Amino acid sequence: MNDDILSVIYLLLVLVLIIPGFIYAIKNKKEFFNNLFIWILIIGVIVIISKFLFY
């Protein structure tokens, strides 16, 4: 398989492991969406940095 495909699969598997505990831990909807936005930013920054460093 291509390395990009494996990276996406690994990222999705990590998210599958994290999201149930993340949802269970946060009862407040506003706090949930705030933390979800932060996680999206973190993942986006990691993807962008990895694209610039490895290509």
C-alpha atoms as a PDB file:
ATOM      1  CA  MET A   1       0.000   0.000   0.000  1.00  0.00           C
ATOM      2  CA  ASN A   2       0.930   3.580  -0.434  1.00  0.00           C
ATOM      3  CA  ASP A   3       2.279   5.402   2.622  1.00  0.00           C
ATOM      4  CA  ASP A   4      -0.417   8.075   2.336  1.00  0.00           C
ATOM      5  CA  ILE A   5      -3.161   5.469   2.483  1.00  0.00           C
ATOM      6  CA  LEU A   6      -1.597   3.844   5.543  1.00  0.00           C
ATOM      7  CA  SER A   7      -1.268   7.229   7.266  1.00  0.00           C
ATOM      8  CA  VAL A   8      -4.955   7.945   6.723  1.00  0.00           C
ATOM      9  CA  ILE A   9      -5.914   4.477   7.988  1.00  0.00           C
ATOM     10  CA  TYR A  10      -3.780   4.910  11.118  1.00  0.00           C
ATOM     11  CA  LEU A  11      -5.256   8.353  11.785  1.00  0.00           C
ATOM     12  CA  LEU A  12      -8.805   7.033  11.417  1.00  0.00           C
ATOM     13  CA  LEU A  13      -8.092   4.101  13.725  1.00  0.00           C
ATOM     14  CA  VAL A  14      -6.677   6.425  16.382  1.00  0.00           C
ATOM     15  CA  LEU A  15      -9.755   8.629  16.082  1.00  0.00           C
ATOM     16  CA  VAL A  16     -12.010   5.582  16.461  1.00  0.00           C
ATOM     17  CA  LEU A  17     -10.199   4.765  19.700  1.00  0.00           C
ATOM     18  CA  ILE A  18     -10.294   8.323  21.063  1.00  0.00           C
ATOM     19  CA  ILE A  19     -13.758   9.570  20.111  1.00  0.00           C
ATOM     20  CA  PRO A  20     -15.920   7.322  22.377  1.00  0.00           C
ATOM     21  CA  GLY A  21     -14.033   8.364  25.512  1.00  0.00           C
ATOM     22  CA  PHE A  22     -13.989  11.947  24.293  1.00  0.00           C
ATOM     23  CA  ILE A  23     -17.771  11.994  23.881  1.00  0.00           C
ATOM     24  CA  TYR A  24     -18.357  10.237  27.216  1.00  0.00           C
ATOM     25  CA  ALA A  25     -16.108  12.624  29.131  1.00  0.00           C
ATOM     26  CA  ILE A  26     -17.760  15.790  27.865  1.00  0.00           C
ATOM     27  CA  LYS A  27     -21.383  16.337  28.809  1.00  0.00           C
ATOM     28  CA  ASN A  28     -21.673  20.014  27.866  1.00  0.00           C
ATOM     29  CA  LYS A  29     -22.354  20.544  24.131  1.00  0.00           C
ATOM     30  CA  LYS A  30     -20.525  23.878  23.965  1.00  0.00           C
ATOM     31  CA  GLU A  31     -17.442  22.374  25.573  1.00  0.00           C
ATOM     32  CA  PHE A  32     -17.692  19.338  23.274  1.00  0.00           C
ATOM     33  CA  PHE A  33     -17.693  21.438  20.103  1.00  0.00           C
ATOM     34  CA  ASN A  34     -14.907  23.634  21.443  1.00  0.00           C
ATOM     35  CA  ASN A  35     -12.709  20.599  22.111  1.00  0.00           C
ATOM     36  CA  LEU A  36     -13.669  19.039  18.776  1.00  0.00           C
ATOM     37  CA  PHE A  37     -12.585  22.231  17.009  1.00  0.00           C
ATOM     38  CA  ILE A  38      -9.255  22.154  18.852  1.00  0.00           C
ATOM     39  CA  TRP A  39      -8.690  18.513  17.819  1.00  0.00           C
ATOM     40  CA  ILE A  40      -9.507  19.351  14.193  1.00  0.00           C
ATOM     41  CA  LEU A  41      -6.965  22.180  14.309  1.00  0.00           C
ATOM     42  CA  ILE A  42      -4.303  19.921  15.825  1.00  0.00           C
ATOM     43  CA  ILE A  43      -4.846  17.206  13.220  1.00  0.00           C
ATOM     44  CA  GLY A  44      -4.875  19.791  10.426  1.00  0.00           C
ATOM     45  CA  VAL A  45      -1.587  21.306  11.591  1.00  0.00           C
ATOM     46  CA  ILE A  46       0.013  17.858  11.826  1.00  0.00           C
ATOM     47  CA  VAL A  47      -1.142  16.950   8.314  1.00  0.00           C
ATOM     48  CA  ILE A  48       0.081  20.252   6.857  1.00  0.00           C
ATOM     49  CA  ILE A  49       3.463  20.029   8.594  1.00  0.00           C
ATOM     50  CA  SER A  50       3.912  16.415   7.504  1.00  0.00           C
ATOM     51  CA  LYS A  51       3.157  17.379   3.890  1.00  0.00           C
ATOM     52  CA  PHE A  52       5.812  20.117   3.943  1.00  0.00           C
ATOM     53  CA  LEU A  53       8.472  18.085   5.732  1.00  0.00           C
ATOM     54  CA  PHE A  54       8.167  14.824   3.846  1.00  0.00           C
ATOM     55  CA  TYR A  55       7.519  16.054   0.280  1.00  0.00           C
END
